[in-house]
C-alpha atoms as a PDB file:
ATOM      1  CA  MET A   1     124.440 135.743 109.526  1.00  0.00           C
ATOM      2  CA  ARG A   2     123.019 133.575 112.251  1.00  0.00           C
ATOM      3  CA  HIS A   3     119.414 132.394 112.022  1.00  0.00           C
ATOM      4  CA  THR A   4     117.467 132.337 115.249  1.00  0.00           C
ATOM      5  CA  ARG A   5     115.605 129.200 116.284  1.00  0.00           C
ATOM      6  CA  ALA A   6     112.300 130.820 115.429  1.00  0.00           C
ATOM      7  CA  HIS A   7     113.354 131.617 111.876  1.00  0.00           C
ATOM      8  CA  THR A   8     114.781 128.133 111.417  1.00  0.00           C
ATOM      9  CA  ALA A   9     111.517 126.581 112.628  1.00  0.00           C
ATOM     10  CA  ASN A  10     109.516 128.832 110.287  1.00  0.00           C
ATOM     11  CA  ARG A  11     111.602 127.674 107.347  1.00  0.00           C
ATOM     12  CA  ARG A  12     111.134 124.011 108.316  1.00  0.00           C
ATOM     13  CA  SER A  13     107.376 124.276 108.832  1.00  0.00           C
ATOM     14  CA  HIS A  14     106.771 122.848 105.350  1.00  0.00           C
ATOM     15  CA  HIS A  15     109.025 119.806 105.813  1.00  0.00           C
ATOM     16  CA  ALA A  16     106.370 117.619 107.461  1.00  0.00           C
ATOM     17  CA  LEU A  17     105.445 114.357 105.716  1.00  0.00           C
ATOM     18  CA  LYS A  18     101.997 114.105 104.201  1.00  0.00           C
ATOM     19  CA  GLY A  19      99.824 111.002 104.153  1.00  0.00           C
ATOM     20  CA  ALA A  20      99.529 108.753 101.133  1.00  0.00           C
ATOM     21  CA  ARG A  21      96.912 109.732  98.548  1.00  0.00           C
ATOM     22  CA  LEU A  22      94.386 106.940  98.157  1.00  0.00           C
ATOM     23  CA  SER A  23      91.773 106.355  95.477  1.00  0.00           C
ATOM     24  CA  LYS A  24      88.791 104.015  95.273  1.00  0.00           C
ATOM     25  CA  CYS A  25      88.978 101.161  92.811  1.00  0.00           C
ATOM     26  CA  VAL A  26      86.382 101.404  90.044  1.00  0.00           C
ATOM     27  CA  LYS A  27      85.630  97.693  90.149  1.00  0.00           C
ATOM     28  CA  CYS A  28      85.787  96.630  93.820  1.00  0.00           C
ATOM     29  CA  GLU A  29      85.812 100.042  95.556  1.00  0.00           C
ATOM     30  CA  ALA A  30      88.840  99.099  97.688  1.00  0.00           C
ATOM     31  CA  LEU A  31      91.377 101.817  98.498  1.00  0.00           C
ATOM     32  CA  HIS A  32      94.662 101.753  96.578  1.00  0.00           C
ATOM     33  CA  LEU A  33      97.578 104.075  95.864  1.00  0.00           C
ATOM     34  CA  ARG A  34      97.035 106.438  92.960  1.00  0.00           C
ATOM     35  CA  HIS A  35      98.423 105.425  89.541  1.00  0.00           C
ATOM     36  CA  GLN A  36      98.979 101.853  90.744  1.00  0.00           C
ATOM     37  CA  VAL A  37      97.216  98.536  90.274  1.00  0.00           C
ATOM     38  CA  CYS A  38      94.522  97.661  92.820  1.00  0.00           C
ATOM     39  CA  THR A  39      95.947  94.893  95.002  1.00  0.00           C
ATOM     40  CA  ALA A  40      92.482  93.576  95.859  1.00  0.00           C
ATOM     41  CA  CYS A  41      91.229  92.791  92.342  1.00  0.00           C
ATOM     42  CA  GLY A  42      94.250  93.354  90.045  1.00  0.00           C
ATOM     43  CA  THR A  43      92.708  96.049  87.853  1.00  0.00           C
ATOM     44  CA  TYR A  44      94.007  99.419  86.704  1.00  0.00           C
ATOM     45  CA  ARG A  45      91.478 102.002  85.538  1.00  0.00           C
ATOM     46  CA  GLY A  46      88.796  99.297  85.382  1.00  0.00           C
ATOM     47  CA  LYS A  47      90.803  96.967  83.128  1.00  0.00           C
ATOM     48  CA  PRO A  48      92.214  93.643  84.367  1.00  0.00           C
ATOM     49  CA  VAL A  49      96.003  93.759  84.523  1.00  0.00           C
ATOM     50  CA  LEU A  50      97.082  91.054  86.972  1.00  0.00           C
ATOM     51  CA  LYS A  51      95.973  87.467  87.281  1.00  0.00           C
ATOM     52  CA  LEU A  52      95.607  87.401  91.057  1.00  0.00           C
ATOM     53  CA  VAL A  53      94.196  83.863  91.244  1.00  0.00           C
ATOM     54  CA  LYS A  54      97.432  82.415  89.911  1.00  0.00           C
ATOM     55  CA  THR A  55      99.523  84.674  92.156  1.00  0.00           C
ATOM     56  CA  MET A  56      97.512  83.843  95.276  1.00  0.00           C
ATOM     57  CA  ALA A  57      97.823  80.091  94.625  1.00  0.00           C
ATOM     58  CA  LYS A  58     101.583  80.439  94.197  1.00  0.00           C
ATOM     59  CA  THR A  59     101.865  82.451  97.426  1.00  0.00           C
ATOM     60  CA  GLU A  60      99.780  79.946  99.402  1.00  0.00           C
ATOM     61  CA  LYS A  61     101.899  77.073  98.090  1.00  0.00           C
ATOM     62  CA  ARG A  62     105.107  78.857  99.122  1.00  0.00           C
ATOM     63  CA  VAL A  63     103.784  79.733 102.593  1.00  0.00           C
ATOM     64  CA  GLY A  64     102.530  76.176 103.117  1.00  0.00           C
ATOM     65  CA  ALA A  65     105.910  74.708 102.221  1.00  0.00           C
ATOM     66  CA  LYS A  66     107.669  77.200 104.474  1.00  0.00           C
ATOM     67  CA  SER A  67     105.429  76.394 107.450  1.00  0.00           C
ATOM     68  CA  LYS A  68     106.059  72.640 106.979  1.00  0.00           C
ATOM     69  CA  ALA A  69     109.809  73.269 106.949  1.00  0.00           C
ATOM     70  CA  VAL A  70     109.593  75.232 110.220  1.00  0.00           C
ATOM     71  CA  LYS A  71     107.704  72.435 112.007  1.00  0.00           C
END
């Protein structure tokens, strides 16, 4: 049987996307996605997981080299 537009719209009313769930970091109180490492300080549940200093230095080196190549 044919569904009218109204019934189709009623069925699709729950298909809308919801926003991302964010949590506050225990250490730095920055917002991050739930169940993921905080990108600001590199901790998960208050414990250090990532060494961000090393990663940031590597990223800056790569970006610096790339900008020199563009010039």
